[in-house]
Amino acid sequence: MTDTLPIAVEAPDACPRYLGRVVKGINVKAPTPLWMKEKLRRCGIRSIDAVVDVTNYVLLELGQPMHAFDCDRIDGGIVVRMAKEGEKLVLLDGTEAKLDTDTGYCRPSQSAGYGRHLWR
């Protein structure tokens, strides 16, 4: 795993600042604490795994959207841009979403379509 990942912001008007941090030594198989699962459930958010659940919890508590990427599955860094006309992505629940051109899009620049974050 690398200590840094390049980040390219191609939509500075929509996203003037994007911060990233490489965190090592995470046990991705660790269970989400029951209190956190319950907090997410009460807010209408389905528990997925400990890493995703922590990012969703931070969103609820601080109002700051977050996303976790697996550095071992990213080649070329992270790109922040607006979606292209007709672009689609597969969501965590397996459903496919068609994106509008006014949808912001954060994703690995070259990957197997893993890990994306959207905003409007």
Protein backbone atom coordinates (compact mmCIF):
# COMPACT_ATOMS: atom_id res chain seq x y z
CA MET A 1 0.00 0.00 0.00
CA THR A 2 1.19 3.45 -0.87
CA ASP A 3 1.51 6.35 1.57
CA THR A 4 -0.04 8.81 -0.88
CA LEU A 5 -2.58 8.87 -3.69
CA PRO A 6 -2.82 11.64 -6.27
CA ILE A 7 -6.12 13.56 -6.29
CA ALA A 8 -7.29 15.46 -9.38
CA VAL A 9 -10.18 17.90 -8.97
CA GLU A 10 -11.62 18.40 -12.45
CA ALA A 11 -14.73 20.22 -11.20
CA PRO A 12 -13.36 23.00 -8.96
CA ASP A 13 -16.55 25.08 -9.15
CA ALA A 14 -18.62 22.19 -7.79
CA CYS A 15 -15.94 20.90 -5.41
CA PRO A 16 -13.45 23.62 -4.46
CA ARG A 17 -11.78 21.42 -1.84
CA TYR A 18 -11.32 17.65 -1.62
CA LEU A 19 -9.22 16.11 1.13
CA GLY A 20 -7.89 12.60 1.34
CA ARG A 21 -6.04 10.57 3.93
CA VAL A 22 -4.37 7.18 3.68
CA VAL A 23 -5.10 5.09 6.77
CA LYS A 24 -3.25 1.80 7.23
CA GLY A 25 -3.82 -1.20 9.45
CA ILE A 26 -7.62 -1.31 9.26
CA ASN A 27 -9.20 -4.68 9.95
CA VAL A 28 -11.91 -4.66 7.28
CA LYS A 29 -13.41 -7.83 8.76
CA ALA A 30 -13.98 -6.25 12.18
CA PRO A 31 -17.66 -6.07 13.13
CA THR A 32 -19.44 -2.75 13.39
CA PRO A 33 -20.26 -2.02 17.05
CA LEU A 34 -23.91 -2.71 17.87
CA TRP A 35 -24.53 0.87 19.09
CA MET A 36 -23.35 2.22 15.71
CA LYS A 37 -25.48 -0.26 13.74
CA GLU A 38 -28.48 0.79 15.80
CA LYS A 39 -27.79 4.51 15.24
CA LEU A 40 -27.56 3.92 11.49
CA ARG A 41 -30.72 1.79 11.48
CA ARG A 42 -32.69 4.45 13.34
CA CYS A 43 -31.60 6.97 10.72
CA GLY A 44 -32.69 4.71 7.86
CA ILE A 45 -29.19 3.62 6.82
CA ARG A 46 -28.42 -0.04 6.22
CA SER A 47 -25.27 -1.38 7.90
CA ILE A 48 -22.80 -2.65 5.28
CA ASP A 49 -19.45 -3.20 6.99
CA ALA A 50 -17.37 -1.44 9.64
CA VAL A 51 -15.53 0.85 7.20
CA VAL A 52 -18.64 2.02 5.33
CA ASP A 53 -20.59 2.27 8.58
CA VAL A 54 -17.99 4.59 10.11
CA THR A 55 -18.15 6.93 7.10
CA ASN A 56 -21.95 6.97 7.30
CA TYR A 57 -21.80 7.63 11.05
CA VAL A 58 -19.47 10.61 10.50
CA LEU A 59 -21.93 11.96 7.92
CA LEU A 60 -24.76 11.75 10.45
CA GLU A 61 -22.80 13.26 13.33
CA LEU A 62 -20.86 16.00 11.50
CA GLY A 63 -22.77 16.49 8.26
CA GLN A 64 -19.59 15.75 6.32
CA PRO A 65 -19.93 13.24 3.47
CA MET A 66 -17.07 10.76 3.37
CA HIS A 67 -16.00 7.79 1.34
CA ALA A 68 -13.43 5.07 1.94
CA PHE A 69 -11.44 3.65 -0.96
CA ASP A 70 -9.37 0.46 -0.87
CA CYS A 71 -5.89 1.66 -1.91
CA ASP A 72 -4.96 -1.82 -3.11
CA ARG A 73 -7.74 -1.61 -5.71
CA ILE A 74 -6.91 1.84 -7.08
CA ASP A 75 -4.52 2.56 -9.93
CA GLY A 76 -3.82 6.18 -10.75
CA GLY A 77 -5.35 8.09 -7.84
CA ILE A 78 -8.74 9.71 -7.29
CA VAL A 79 -10.62 11.99 -9.69
CA VAL A 80 -13.34 14.47 -8.71
CA ARG A 81 -15.48 15.50 -11.68
CA MET A 82 -18.99 15.97 -12.97
CA ALA A 83 -20.74 12.92 -14.40
CA LYS A 84 -20.85 12.52 -18.16
CA GLU A 85 -24.12 12.31 -20.10
CA GLY A 86 -25.61 8.82 -19.76
CA GLU A 87 -22.95 7.62 -17.32
CA LYS A 88 -24.06 4.83 -15.00
CA LEU A 89 -22.78 3.25 -11.84
CA VAL A 90 -23.65 0.23 -9.75
CA LEU A 91 -24.59 1.12 -6.15
CA LEU A 92 -23.63 -0.90 -3.07
CA ASP A 93 -27.01 -2.65 -3.10
CA GLY A 94 -26.42 -3.79 -6.69
CA THR A 95 -28.88 -1.42 -8.35
CA GLU A 96 -27.75 0.68 -11.30
CA ALA A 97 -28.09 4.46 -11.26
CA LYS A 98 -28.03 6.68 -14.35
CA LEU A 99 -26.20 9.91 -13.57
CA ASP A 100 -27.12 13.43 -14.67
CA THR A 101 -24.46 15.87 -15.83
CA ASP A 102 -25.15 18.02 -12.74
CA THR A 103 -24.08 15.19 -10.44
CA GLY A 104 -20.64 15.43 -8.88
CA TYR A 105 -18.63 12.26 -9.01
CA CYS A 106 -15.61 11.14 -7.00
CA ARG A 107 -13.96 7.89 -8.01
CA PRO A 108 -10.67 6.13 -8.53
CA SER A 109 -9.22 7.32 -11.84
CA GLN A 110 -8.59 3.76 -13.03
CA SER A 111 -10.26 0.85 -11.29
CA ALA A 112 -12.80 -1.88 -11.76
CA GLY A 113 -15.55 0.61 -10.91
CA TYR A 114 -14.98 0.20 -7.19
CA GLY A 115 -15.82 2.90 -4.69
CA ARG A 116 -17.57 6.05 -5.81
CA HIS A 117 -19.04 9.04 -4.06
CA LEU A 118 -21.75 11.31 -5.49
CA TRP A 119 -23.04 14.75 -4.59
CA ARG A 120 -25.29 17.44 -6.05
